[in-house]
Amino acid sequence: MAKNKKTKKLLKNIFTTLIAIILIGAIVLGVLLLFRQNESETPKPQKQQDYARDTNTASEKIRTEEDLKDEEKVGEASNDTKDRQEADSRTDAEIKASAKKNSAGLLVAEPEITYVANEDGDTLVGAEVRNLNETGGSCTFTFKKGSTTTSVTTGVNAGPSYVSCEAARFEKGKLTSGTWSVTVKYKSNSAEGESEAQSYTIQ
């Protein structure tokens, strides 16, 4: 009887020892697997170098595209300046040669009102004739409202490549409150023409 108890106790101890060994082995194996997984996820030095090289290449590409855009803007600005210089360098003969003629044989002027403004109750109007460059002409500014018409004539100044009308002043009270249409007519010994009408409201 005592022998059987000793045998059972010995088997129990062996079984417990085997279970402990298996558990320890499983823990060790789990730690090894976890360590290998972390090691595989760590980027290799070569991969880090490749990533840095790709990042630098992308940055260089962005800088290159920005440089190209800046160069295009500089080129456009240079072309605009060149066009203005070429326009300003045109001679009177070239400008007149490019203008059309009307049935009377006069050059067709194309005046354009550039501003209408109020100054202490007076109304000021300015205009330019961009397709001509000459002296000796005049500009007549006309306001119309219904059957009412009032006009002021001014002289001109020659610009770099166009005619600039001297400002016309309509004194306070000359134009009653309401909406008026305003035009400018240019006339000289060699050219004439009238602008399209613009609306202007007098308070």
N, C-alpha and C. Protein backbone atom coordinates (compact mmCIF):
# COMPACT_ATOMS: atom_id res chain seq x y z
N MET A 1 0.82 -1.20 0.00
CA MET A 1 0.00 0.00 0.00
C MET A 1 0.85 1.24 0.00
N ALA A 2 1.90 1.21 0.87
CA ALA A 2 2.82 2.35 0.95
C ALA A 2 3.58 2.49 -0.34
N LYS A 3 3.84 1.36 -0.96
CA LYS A 3 4.58 1.39 -2.24
C LYS A 3 3.76 2.05 -3.34
N ASN A 4 2.49 1.77 -3.36
CA ASN A 4 1.63 2.38 -4.38
C ASN A 4 1.55 3.89 -4.23
N LYS A 5 1.50 4.33 -2.95
CA LYS A 5 1.45 5.77 -2.70
C LYS A 5 2.72 6.45 -3.20
N LYS A 6 3.86 5.81 -2.97
CA LYS A 6 5.13 6.39 -3.42
C LYS A 6 5.18 6.47 -4.94
N THR A 7 4.65 5.42 -5.61
CA THR A 7 4.66 5.39 -7.08
C THR A 7 3.80 6.50 -7.65
N LYS A 8 2.60 6.65 -7.05
CA LYS A 8 1.70 7.71 -7.52
C LYS A 8 2.33 9.09 -7.34
N LYS A 9 2.99 9.27 -6.18
CA LYS A 9 3.61 10.57 -5.90
C LYS A 9 4.73 10.84 -6.88
N LEU A 10 5.51 9.79 -7.23
CA LEU A 10 6.62 9.95 -8.17
C LEU A 10 6.10 10.30 -9.56
N LEU A 11 5.02 9.63 -9.99
CA LEU A 11 4.44 9.92 -11.31
C LEU A 11 3.90 11.34 -11.37
N LYS A 12 3.29 11.74 -10.22
CA LYS A 12 2.74 13.10 -10.17
C LYS A 12 3.84 14.15 -10.30
N ASN A 13 4.96 13.88 -9.64
CA ASN A 13 6.10 14.82 -9.71
C ASN A 13 6.67 14.88 -11.13
N ILE A 14 6.76 13.72 -11.77
CA ILE A 14 7.29 13.67 -13.14
C ILE A 14 6.36 14.44 -14.09
N PHE A 15 5.04 14.23 -13.92
CA PHE A 15 4.06 14.91 -14.77
C PHE A 15 4.12 16.43 -14.59
N THR A 16 4.24 16.84 -13.33
CA THR A 16 4.33 18.29 -13.03
C THR A 16 5.59 18.88 -13.66
N THR A 17 6.70 18.13 -13.56
CA THR A 17 7.97 18.60 -14.13
C THR A 17 7.88 18.74 -15.64
N LEU A 18 7.24 17.75 -16.30
CA LEU A 18 7.08 17.82 -17.76
C LEU A 18 6.24 19.03 -18.17
N ILE A 19 5.16 19.27 -17.44
CA ILE A 19 4.31 20.43 -17.76
C ILE A 19 5.10 21.73 -17.62
N ALA A 20 5.91 21.81 -16.54
CA ALA A 20 6.72 23.02 -16.31
C ALA A 20 7.72 23.22 -17.45
N ILE A 21 8.34 22.11 -17.89
CA ILE A 21 9.32 22.19 -18.98
C ILE A 21 8.64 22.66 -20.27
N ILE A 22 7.44 22.10 -20.53
CA ILE A 22 6.71 22.49 -21.74
C ILE A 22 6.34 23.98 -21.71
N LEU A 23 5.86 24.46 -20.56
CA LEU A 23 5.50 25.88 -20.41
C LEU A 23 6.71 26.79 -20.63
N ILE A 24 7.83 26.41 -20.00
CA ILE A 24 9.05 27.21 -20.14
C ILE A 24 9.49 27.25 -21.61
N GLY A 25 9.41 26.08 -22.27
CA GLY A 25 9.79 26.02 -23.68
C GLY A 25 8.90 26.91 -24.54
N ALA A 26 7.59 26.88 -24.25
CA ALA A 26 6.65 27.70 -25.02
C ALA A 26 6.94 29.19 -24.83
N ILE A 27 7.26 29.58 -23.58
CA ILE A 27 7.59 30.99 -23.29
C ILE A 27 8.84 31.41 -24.05
N VAL A 28 9.87 30.57 -23.98
CA VAL A 28 11.14 30.88 -24.68
C VAL A 28 10.90 30.99 -26.18
N LEU A 29 10.11 30.06 -26.74
CA LEU A 29 9.83 30.09 -28.17
C LEU A 29 9.06 31.37 -28.55
N GLY A 30 8.10 31.75 -27.72
CA GLY A 30 7.34 32.97 -27.98
C GLY A 30 8.22 34.21 -27.98
N VAL A 31 9.14 34.26 -27.01
CA VAL A 31 10.08 35.40 -26.95
C VAL A 31 10.95 35.45 -28.19
N LEU A 32 11.45 34.30 -28.63
CA LEU A 32 12.30 34.26 -29.83
C LEU A 32 11.54 34.73 -31.07
N LEU A 33 10.30 34.24 -31.22
CA LEU A 33 9.49 34.64 -32.37
C LEU A 33 9.22 36.16 -32.36
N LEU A 34 8.90 36.71 -31.18
CA LEU A 34 8.64 38.15 -31.06
C LEU A 34 9.88 38.95 -31.41
N PHE A 35 11.03 38.53 -30.98
CA PHE A 35 12.29 39.21 -31.26
C PHE A 35 12.59 39.20 -32.76
N ARG A 36 12.37 38.06 -33.42
CA ARG A 36 12.61 37.96 -34.86
C ARG A 36 11.66 38.87 -35.65
N GLN A 37 10.41 38.94 -35.19
CA GLN A 37 9.43 39.80 -35.89
C GLN A 37 9.84 41.27 -35.80
N ASN A 38 10.26 41.72 -34.64
CA ASN A 38 10.71 43.10 -34.47
C ASN A 38 11.94 43.39 -35.31
N GLU A 39 12.81 42.39 -35.39
CA GLU A 39 14.03 42.57 -36.16
C GLU A 39 13.73 42.72 -37.64
N SER A 40 12.73 41.94 -38.13
CA SER A 40 12.39 42.00 -39.56
C SER A 40 11.72 43.33 -39.92
N GLU A 41 11.02 43.98 -38.95
CA GLU A 41 10.34 45.24 -39.23
C GLU A 41 11.28 46.44 -39.17
N THR A 42 12.44 46.30 -38.56
CA THR A 42 13.41 47.40 -38.48
C THR A 42 14.03 47.63 -39.84
N PRO A 43 13.94 48.90 -40.40
CA PRO A 43 14.50 49.16 -41.74
C PRO A 43 15.99 48.97 -41.77
N LYS A 44 16.43 48.31 -42.81
CA LYS A 44 17.86 48.10 -42.99
C LYS A 44 18.53 49.41 -43.38
N PRO A 45 19.82 49.57 -43.07
CA PRO A 45 20.56 50.80 -43.44
C PRO A 45 20.43 51.12 -44.90
N GLN A 46 20.47 50.12 -45.77
CA GLN A 46 20.39 50.37 -47.21
C GLN A 46 19.02 50.93 -47.58
N LYS A 47 17.94 50.38 -46.92
CA LYS A 47 16.60 50.87 -47.20
C LYS A 47 16.45 52.30 -46.74
N GLN A 48 17.05 52.64 -45.58
CA GLN A 48 17.01 54.02 -45.11
C GLN A 48 17.71 54.95 -46.07
N GLN A 49 18.84 54.51 -46.60
CA GLN A 49 19.57 55.32 -47.58
C GLN A 49 18.74 55.53 -48.84
N ASP A 50 18.07 54.45 -49.30
CA ASP A 50 17.22 54.55 -50.49
C ASP A 50 16.09 55.53 -50.24
N TYR A 51 15.48 55.47 -49.04
CA TYR A 51 14.38 56.37 -48.72
C TYR A 51 14.86 57.82 -48.72
N ALA A 52 16.03 58.06 -48.12
CA ALA A 52 16.58 59.42 -48.09
C ALA A 52 16.87 59.91 -49.50
N ARG A 53 17.41 59.01 -50.35
CA ARG A 53 17.72 59.40 -51.72
C ARG A 53 16.44 59.74 -52.49
N ASP A 54 15.37 58.92 -52.29
CA ASP A 54 14.10 59.20 -52.97
C ASP A 54 13.50 60.52 -52.51
N THR A 55 13.62 60.80 -51.19
CA THR A 55 13.09 62.07 -50.65
C THR A 55 13.84 63.24 -51.24
N ASN A 56 15.16 63.15 -51.31
CA ASN A 56 15.97 64.23 -51.89
C ASN A 56 15.63 64.44 -53.36
N THR A 57 15.40 63.34 -54.09
CA THR A 57 15.05 63.44 -55.51
C THR A 57 13.73 64.16 -55.69
N ALA A 58 12.74 63.81 -54.82
CA ALA A 58 11.43 64.47 -54.90
C ALA A 58 11.56 65.95 -54.60
N SER A 59 12.38 66.31 -53.59
CA SER A 59 12.57 67.73 -53.25
C SER A 59 13.21 68.48 -54.40
N GLU A 60 14.22 67.84 -55.04
CA GLU A 60 14.88 68.48 -56.18
C GLU A 60 13.90 68.69 -57.32
N LYS A 61 12.98 67.71 -57.52
CA LYS A 61 11.99 67.82 -58.59
C LYS A 61 11.05 68.99 -58.33
N ILE A 62 10.61 69.14 -57.06
CA ILE A 62 9.72 70.24 -56.71
C ILE A 62 10.42 71.57 -56.92
N ARG A 63 11.68 71.66 -56.49
CA ARG A 63 12.44 72.91 -56.67
C ARG A 63 12.59 73.22 -58.16
N THR A 64 12.83 72.18 -58.94
CA THR A 64 13.00 72.39 -60.37
C THR A 64 11.72 72.93 -61.00
N GLU A 65 10.56 72.35 -60.62
CA GLU A 65 9.28 72.82 -61.17
C GLU A 65 9.01 74.26 -60.75
N GLU A 66 9.34 74.62 -59.49
CA GLU A 66 9.15 75.99 -59.03
C GLU A 66 10.06 76.95 -59.79
N ASP A 67 11.31 76.52 -60.02
CA ASP A 67 12.24 77.35 -60.78
C ASP A 67 11.72 77.61 -62.18
N LEU A 68 11.16 76.56 -62.80
CA LEU A 68 10.62 76.70 -64.16
C LEU A 68 9.47 77.69 -64.18
N LYS A 69 8.58 77.60 -63.16
CA LYS A 69 7.46 78.54 -63.10
C LYS A 69 7.95 79.96 -62.95
N ASP A 70 8.99 80.15 -62.08
CA ASP A 70 9.55 81.49 -61.90
C ASP A 70 10.14 82.01 -63.20
N GLU A 71 10.83 81.11 -63.92
CA GLU A 71 11.43 81.52 -65.20
C GLU A 71 10.36 81.91 -66.21
N GLU A 72 9.22 81.16 -66.20
CA GLU A 72 8.13 81.49 -67.11
C GLU A 72 7.55 82.86 -66.79
N LYS A 73 7.39 83.16 -65.47
CA LYS A 73 6.85 84.46 -65.07
C LYS A 73 7.80 85.58 -65.49
N VAL A 74 9.11 85.36 -65.28
CA VAL A 74 10.09 86.36 -65.70
C VAL A 74 10.03 86.56 -67.20
N GLY A 75 9.89 85.45 -67.94
CA GLY A 75 9.81 85.55 -69.39
C GLY A 75 8.58 86.31 -69.85
N GLU A 76 7.43 86.03 -69.20
CA GLU A 76 6.20 86.74 -69.55
C GLU A 76 6.33 88.23 -69.27
N ALA A 77 6.90 88.57 -68.10
CA ALA A 77 7.07 89.98 -67.76
C ALA A 77 8.02 90.65 -68.74
N SER A 78 9.07 89.92 -69.15
CA SER A 78 10.01 90.47 -70.12
C SER A 78 9.34 90.73 -71.46
N ASN A 79 8.46 89.79 -71.87
CA ASN A 79 7.75 89.95 -73.14
C ASN A 79 6.80 91.14 -73.09
N ASP A 80 6.11 91.31 -71.92
CA ASP A 80 5.20 92.45 -71.78
C ASP A 80 5.96 93.76 -71.89
N THR A 81 7.12 93.82 -71.21
CA THR A 81 7.94 95.03 -71.27
C THR A 81 8.42 95.29 -72.69
N LYS A 82 8.80 94.22 -73.37
CA LYS A 82 9.26 94.36 -74.76
C LYS A 82 8.16 94.89 -75.65
N ASP A 83 6.93 94.35 -75.46
CA ASP A 83 5.80 94.80 -76.27
C ASP A 83 5.53 96.28 -76.04
N ARG A 84 5.59 96.72 -74.77
CA ARG A 84 5.36 98.14 -74.49
C ARG A 84 6.43 99.00 -75.12
N GLN A 85 7.68 98.55 -75.02
CA GLN A 85 8.77 99.32 -75.60
C GLN A 85 8.62 99.43 -77.11
N GLU A 86 8.20 98.33 -77.75
CA GLU A 86 8.00 98.35 -79.20
C GLU A 86 6.84 99.28 -79.56
N ALA A 87 5.77 99.26 -78.74
CA ALA A 87 4.63 100.14 -79.00
C ALA A 87 5.03 101.61 -78.84
N ASP A 88 5.82 101.91 -77.81
CA ASP A 88 6.23 103.28 -77.57
C ASP A 88 7.25 103.78 -78.59
N SER A 89 7.95 102.83 -79.24
CA SER A 89 8.98 103.22 -80.20
C SER A 89 8.42 103.42 -81.60
N ARG A 90 7.11 103.21 -81.77
CA ARG A 90 6.52 103.41 -83.10
C ARG A 90 6.59 104.88 -83.49
N THR A 91 6.87 105.12 -84.73
CA THR A 91 6.93 106.49 -85.23
C THR A 91 5.51 106.97 -85.56
N ASP A 92 5.37 108.30 -85.67
CA ASP A 92 4.07 108.87 -86.04
C ASP A 92 3.58 108.30 -87.37
N ALA A 93 4.53 108.13 -88.31
CA ALA A 93 4.16 107.62 -89.64
C ALA A 93 3.62 106.19 -89.54
N GLU A 94 4.26 105.35 -88.68
CA GLU A 94 3.81 103.96 -88.52
C GLU A 94 2.43 103.91 -87.87
N ILE A 95 2.21 104.77 -86.88
CA ILE A 95 0.91 104.79 -86.21
C ILE A 95 -0.18 105.22 -87.17
N LYS A 96 0.08 106.29 -87.92
CA LYS A 96 -0.92 106.77 -88.87
C LYS A 96 -1.17 105.75 -89.98
N ALA A 97 -0.12 105.05 -90.37
CA ALA A 97 -0.26 104.07 -91.45
C ALA A 97 -1.14 102.90 -91.01
N SER A 98 -1.16 102.61 -89.68
CA SER A 98 -1.97 101.49 -89.19
C SER A 98 -3.42 101.89 -88.95
N ALA A 99 -3.72 103.19 -88.94
CA ALA A 99 -5.08 103.66 -88.70
C ALA A 99 -5.90 103.60 -89.99
N LYS A 100 -7.20 103.35 -89.83
CA LYS A 100 -8.10 103.31 -90.99
C LYS A 100 -8.51 104.73 -91.37
N LYS A 101 -9.07 104.86 -92.56
CA LYS A 101 -9.54 106.16 -93.02
C LYS A 101 -11.06 106.11 -93.26
N ASN A 102 -11.71 107.25 -93.02
CA ASN A 102 -13.15 107.32 -93.26
C ASN A 102 -13.43 107.77 -94.69
N SER A 103 -14.70 107.98 -95.02
CA SER A 103 -15.08 108.35 -96.38
C SER A 103 -14.53 109.72 -96.80
N ALA A 104 -14.23 110.56 -95.82
CA ALA A 104 -13.68 111.89 -96.13
C ALA A 104 -12.16 111.85 -96.27
N GLY A 105 -11.57 110.67 -96.12
CA GLY A 105 -10.13 110.55 -96.25
C GLY A 105 -9.37 110.85 -94.98
N LEU A 106 -10.08 111.07 -93.86
CA LEU A 106 -9.43 111.33 -92.58
C LEU A 106 -9.19 110.01 -91.84
N LEU A 107 -8.13 110.00 -91.03
CA LEU A 107 -7.86 108.82 -90.21
C LEU A 107 -8.98 108.65 -89.19
N VAL A 108 -9.35 107.39 -88.92
CA VAL A 108 -10.41 107.11 -87.96
C VAL A 108 -9.80 107.06 -86.55
N ALA A 109 -10.06 108.11 -85.77
CA ALA A 109 -9.59 108.14 -84.39
C ALA A 109 -10.48 107.26 -83.52
N GLU A 110 -9.89 106.67 -82.49
CA GLU A 110 -10.64 105.80 -81.59
C GLU A 110 -10.48 106.29 -80.14
N PRO A 111 -11.09 107.43 -79.81
CA PRO A 111 -10.97 107.95 -78.45
C PRO A 111 -11.71 107.06 -77.45
N GLU A 112 -11.23 107.08 -76.21
CA GLU A 112 -11.83 106.26 -75.16
C GLU A 112 -11.80 107.04 -73.86
N ILE A 113 -12.94 107.13 -73.19
CA ILE A 113 -13.00 107.82 -71.90
C ILE A 113 -12.30 106.96 -70.85
N THR A 114 -11.36 107.55 -70.14
CA THR A 114 -10.56 106.79 -69.16
C THR A 114 -11.05 106.99 -67.74
N TYR A 115 -11.72 108.10 -67.45
CA TYR A 115 -12.28 108.28 -66.11
C TYR A 115 -13.33 109.38 -66.10
N VAL A 116 -14.27 109.27 -65.17
CA VAL A 116 -15.24 110.31 -64.85
C VAL A 116 -15.24 110.41 -63.33
N ALA A 117 -15.00 111.59 -62.78
CA ALA A 117 -14.86 111.71 -61.33
C ALA A 117 -15.48 113.01 -60.82
N ASN A 118 -15.79 113.00 -59.53
CA ASN A 118 -16.35 114.19 -58.87
C ASN A 118 -15.27 114.85 -58.03
N GLU A 119 -15.12 116.15 -58.19
CA GLU A 119 -14.13 116.90 -57.41
C GLU A 119 -14.79 118.15 -56.85
N ASP A 120 -15.11 118.10 -55.57
CA ASP A 120 -15.77 119.24 -54.90
C ASP A 120 -17.03 119.69 -55.63
N GLY A 121 -17.78 118.75 -56.14
CA GLY A 121 -19.02 119.07 -56.83
C GLY A 121 -18.87 119.22 -58.33
N ASP A 122 -17.64 119.48 -58.81
CA ASP A 122 -17.39 119.56 -60.24
C ASP A 122 -17.21 118.14 -60.80
N THR A 123 -17.54 117.95 -62.06
CA THR A 123 -17.36 116.65 -62.71
C THR A 123 -16.19 116.73 -63.67
N LEU A 124 -15.18 115.86 -63.46
CA LEU A 124 -14.00 115.82 -64.31
C LEU A 124 -14.05 114.58 -65.21
N VAL A 125 -13.64 114.76 -66.47
CA VAL A 125 -13.63 113.65 -67.43
C VAL A 125 -12.30 113.65 -68.17
N GLY A 126 -11.72 112.45 -68.35
CA GLY A 126 -10.48 112.31 -69.10
C GLY A 126 -10.61 111.29 -70.21
N ALA A 127 -9.77 111.37 -71.23
CA ALA A 127 -9.84 110.42 -72.35
C ALA A 127 -8.49 110.32 -73.03
N GLU A 128 -8.33 109.24 -73.84
CA GLU A 128 -7.11 109.02 -74.63
C GLU A 128 -7.50 108.52 -76.01
N VAL A 129 -6.62 108.77 -76.97
CA VAL A 129 -6.78 108.22 -78.33
C VAL A 129 -5.55 107.36 -78.56
N ARG A 130 -5.71 106.04 -78.38
CA ARG A 130 -4.54 105.15 -78.37
C ARG A 130 -4.05 104.77 -79.75
N ASN A 131 -4.86 104.99 -80.78
CA ASN A 131 -4.42 104.57 -82.11
C ASN A 131 -3.81 105.73 -82.91
N LEU A 132 -3.55 106.86 -82.26
CA LEU A 132 -2.92 108.00 -82.92
C LEU A 132 -1.85 108.60 -82.03
N ASN A 133 -0.92 109.30 -82.66
CA ASN A 133 0.09 110.05 -81.91
C ASN A 133 0.40 111.31 -82.70
N GLU A 134 -0.27 112.42 -82.32
CA GLU A 134 -0.11 113.67 -83.04
C GLU A 134 -0.46 114.84 -82.12
N THR A 135 -0.19 116.01 -82.57
CA THR A 135 -0.54 117.23 -81.83
C THR A 135 -1.49 118.06 -82.68
N GLY A 136 -2.12 119.06 -82.03
CA GLY A 136 -2.97 119.96 -82.79
C GLY A 136 -4.42 119.58 -82.83
N GLY A 137 -4.81 118.46 -82.20
CA GLY A 137 -6.20 118.06 -82.20
C GLY A 137 -6.95 118.61 -81.00
N SER A 138 -8.21 118.25 -80.87
CA SER A 138 -9.03 118.67 -79.74
C SER A 138 -9.97 117.55 -79.35
N CYS A 139 -10.43 117.59 -78.10
CA CYS A 139 -11.36 116.59 -77.58
C CYS A 139 -12.61 117.32 -77.07
N THR A 140 -13.75 116.89 -77.51
CA THR A 140 -15.02 117.49 -77.07
C THR A 140 -15.80 116.46 -76.28
N PHE A 141 -16.00 116.74 -74.99
CA PHE A 141 -16.74 115.86 -74.08
C PHE A 141 -18.19 116.33 -74.02
N THR A 142 -19.11 115.40 -74.18
CA THR A 142 -20.53 115.77 -74.21
C THR A 142 -21.33 114.89 -73.26
N PHE A 143 -22.12 115.55 -72.39
CA PHE A 143 -23.06 114.86 -71.51
C PHE A 143 -24.46 115.04 -72.06
N LYS A 144 -25.24 113.96 -72.09
CA LYS A 144 -26.62 114.03 -72.57
C LYS A 144 -27.56 113.35 -71.58
N LYS A 145 -28.69 113.98 -71.34
CA LYS A 145 -29.75 113.38 -70.53
C LYS A 145 -31.08 113.86 -71.10
N GLY A 146 -31.78 112.96 -71.77
CA GLY A 146 -33.01 113.33 -72.45
C GLY A 146 -32.71 114.32 -73.57
N SER A 147 -33.35 115.47 -73.53
CA SER A 147 -33.11 116.50 -74.56
C SER A 147 -32.03 117.49 -74.14
N THR A 148 -31.46 117.30 -72.95
CA THR A 148 -30.45 118.23 -72.44
C THR A 148 -29.06 117.77 -72.86
N THR A 149 -28.29 118.69 -73.41
CA THR A 149 -26.92 118.39 -73.84
C THR A 149 -25.99 119.51 -73.37
N THR A 150 -24.82 119.13 -72.86
CA THR A 150 -23.82 120.12 -72.47
C THR A 150 -22.44 119.59 -72.83
N SER A 151 -21.58 120.46 -73.38
CA SER A 151 -20.28 120.01 -73.88
C SER A 151 -19.14 120.91 -73.40
N VAL A 152 -17.95 120.34 -73.33
CA VAL A 152 -16.73 121.07 -73.02
C VAL A 152 -15.65 120.56 -73.95
N THR A 153 -14.90 121.49 -74.60
CA THR A 153 -13.82 121.11 -75.51
C THR A 153 -12.47 121.43 -74.88
N THR A 154 -11.53 120.48 -75.00
CA THR A 154 -10.18 120.67 -74.44
C THR A 154 -9.13 120.39 -75.50
N GLY A 155 -7.90 120.76 -75.21
CA GLY A 155 -6.78 120.46 -76.08
C GLY A 155 -6.24 119.06 -75.81
N VAL A 156 -5.13 118.73 -76.45
CA VAL A 156 -4.56 117.39 -76.29
C VAL A 156 -3.06 117.49 -76.01
N ASN A 157 -2.52 116.39 -75.50
CA ASN A 157 -1.08 116.25 -75.30
C ASN A 157 -0.65 114.94 -75.96
N ALA A 158 0.48 114.96 -76.63
CA ALA A 158 0.99 113.74 -77.26
C ALA A 158 1.73 112.91 -76.23
N GLY A 159 1.34 111.64 -76.12
CA GLY A 159 2.03 110.73 -75.21
C GLY A 159 3.13 109.98 -75.93
N PRO A 160 3.69 108.94 -75.28
CA PRO A 160 4.76 108.16 -75.94
C PRO A 160 4.30 107.56 -77.27
N SER A 161 3.04 107.06 -77.30
CA SER A 161 2.54 106.46 -78.53
C SER A 161 1.03 106.65 -78.66
N TYR A 162 0.51 107.71 -78.05
CA TYR A 162 -0.93 107.96 -78.12
C TYR A 162 -1.20 109.44 -77.83
N VAL A 163 -2.46 109.83 -78.05
CA VAL A 163 -2.90 111.19 -77.76
C VAL A 163 -3.66 111.18 -76.44
N SER A 164 -3.33 112.11 -75.55
CA SER A 164 -4.01 112.23 -74.28
C SER A 164 -4.83 113.52 -74.26
N CYS A 165 -6.14 113.40 -74.04
CA CYS A 165 -6.99 114.59 -73.96
C CYS A 165 -6.79 115.29 -72.63
N GLU A 166 -6.74 116.62 -72.66
CA GLU A 166 -6.72 117.35 -71.40
C GLU A 166 -8.06 117.17 -70.71
N ALA A 167 -8.04 117.11 -69.37
CA ALA A 167 -9.26 116.84 -68.61
C ALA A 167 -10.30 117.94 -68.83
N ALA A 168 -11.55 117.53 -68.96
CA ALA A 168 -12.66 118.48 -69.08
C ALA A 168 -13.32 118.63 -67.72
N ARG A 169 -13.65 119.88 -67.36
CA ARG A 169 -14.29 120.15 -66.07
C ARG A 169 -15.69 120.72 -66.31
N PHE A 170 -16.68 120.02 -65.78
CA PHE A 170 -18.06 120.50 -65.82
C PHE A 170 -18.39 121.02 -64.41
N GLU A 171 -18.54 122.35 -64.30
CA GLU A 171 -18.70 122.96 -62.99
C GLU A 171 -19.99 122.51 -62.30
N LYS A 172 -19.94 122.57 -60.98
CA LYS A 172 -21.07 122.17 -60.15
C LYS A 172 -22.34 122.91 -60.58
N GLY A 173 -23.41 122.19 -60.73
CA GLY A 173 -24.68 122.79 -61.12
C GLY A 173 -24.93 122.72 -62.61
N LYS A 174 -23.87 122.50 -63.40
CA LYS A 174 -24.05 122.41 -64.85
C LYS A 174 -24.73 121.11 -65.24
N LEU A 175 -24.48 120.09 -64.43
CA LEU A 175 -25.11 118.78 -64.66
C LEU A 175 -26.08 118.53 -63.50
N THR A 176 -27.34 118.39 -63.79
CA THR A 176 -28.33 118.13 -62.75
C THR A 176 -28.26 116.67 -62.31
N SER A 177 -28.87 116.37 -61.16
CA SER A 177 -28.83 115.00 -60.64
C SER A 177 -29.57 114.05 -61.59
N GLY A 178 -29.07 112.84 -61.66
CA GLY A 178 -29.65 111.83 -62.54
C GLY A 178 -28.57 111.11 -63.33
N THR A 179 -28.99 110.22 -64.22
CA THR A 179 -28.05 109.44 -65.04
C THR A 179 -27.86 110.09 -66.40
N TRP A 180 -26.60 110.33 -66.75
CA TRP A 180 -26.23 110.95 -68.03
C TRP A 180 -25.43 109.96 -68.85
N SER A 181 -25.43 110.17 -70.18
CA SER A 181 -24.51 109.44 -71.05
C SER A 181 -23.43 110.42 -71.45
N VAL A 182 -22.18 109.96 -71.46
CA VAL A 182 -21.06 110.84 -71.79
C VAL A 182 -20.22 110.23 -72.91
N THR A 183 -19.84 111.07 -73.87
CA THR A 183 -18.99 110.65 -74.99
C THR A 183 -17.87 111.67 -75.16
N VAL A 184 -16.85 111.27 -75.91
CA VAL A 184 -15.79 112.20 -76.27
C VAL A 184 -15.53 112.08 -77.77
N LYS A 185 -15.39 113.21 -78.43
CA LYS A 185 -15.10 113.23 -79.87
C LYS A 185 -13.75 113.88 -80.09
N TYR A 186 -12.90 113.19 -80.85
CA TYR A 186 -11.58 113.72 -81.18
C TYR A 186 -11.59 114.24 -82.61
N LYS A 187 -10.93 115.39 -82.82
CA LYS A 187 -10.86 115.94 -84.18
C LYS A 187 -9.56 116.69 -84.36
N SER A 188 -8.95 116.48 -85.53
CA SER A 188 -7.76 117.22 -85.94
C SER A 188 -7.82 117.40 -87.45
N ASN A 189 -6.79 118.01 -88.02
CA ASN A 189 -6.77 118.21 -89.48
C ASN A 189 -6.66 116.89 -90.24
N SER A 190 -6.16 115.86 -89.56
CA SER A 190 -5.93 114.59 -90.27
C SER A 190 -6.78 113.43 -89.75
N ALA A 191 -7.49 113.62 -88.62
CA ALA A 191 -8.23 112.49 -88.04
C ALA A 191 -9.46 112.96 -87.28
N GLU A 192 -10.42 112.06 -87.13
CA GLU A 192 -11.58 112.33 -86.30
C GLU A 192 -12.23 111.02 -85.90
N GLY A 193 -12.98 111.08 -84.79
CA GLY A 193 -13.67 109.87 -84.33
C GLY A 193 -14.32 110.13 -82.99
N GLU A 194 -15.32 109.31 -82.65
CA GLU A 194 -16.06 109.49 -81.40
C GLU A 194 -16.10 108.18 -80.63
N SER A 195 -16.08 108.29 -79.31
CA SER A 195 -16.09 107.10 -78.44
C SER A 195 -17.49 106.55 -78.26
N GLU A 196 -17.57 105.38 -77.68
CA GLU A 196 -18.87 104.83 -77.29
C GLU A 196 -19.34 105.56 -76.05
N ALA A 197 -20.65 105.62 -75.85
CA ALA A 197 -21.22 106.34 -74.71
C ALA A 197 -21.07 105.53 -73.41
N GLN A 198 -20.81 106.25 -72.33
CA GLN A 198 -20.76 105.65 -71.01
C GLN A 198 -21.81 106.32 -70.13
N SER A 199 -22.32 105.57 -69.16
CA SER A 199 -23.31 106.13 -68.25
C SER A 199 -22.63 106.64 -66.99
N TYR A 200 -23.11 107.78 -66.49
CA TYR A 200 -22.57 108.34 -65.25
C TYR A 200 -23.71 109.00 -64.49
N THR A 201 -23.78 108.70 -63.20
CA THR A 201 -24.88 109.22 -62.39
C THR A 201 -24.40 110.40 -61.52
N ILE A 202 -25.12 111.51 -61.62
CA ILE A 202 -24.85 112.69 -60.80
C ILE A 202 -25.77 112.63 -59.59
N GLN A 203 -25.19 112.73 -58.40
CA GLN A 203 -25.98 112.69 -57.17
C GLN A 203 -26.67 114.03 -56.92
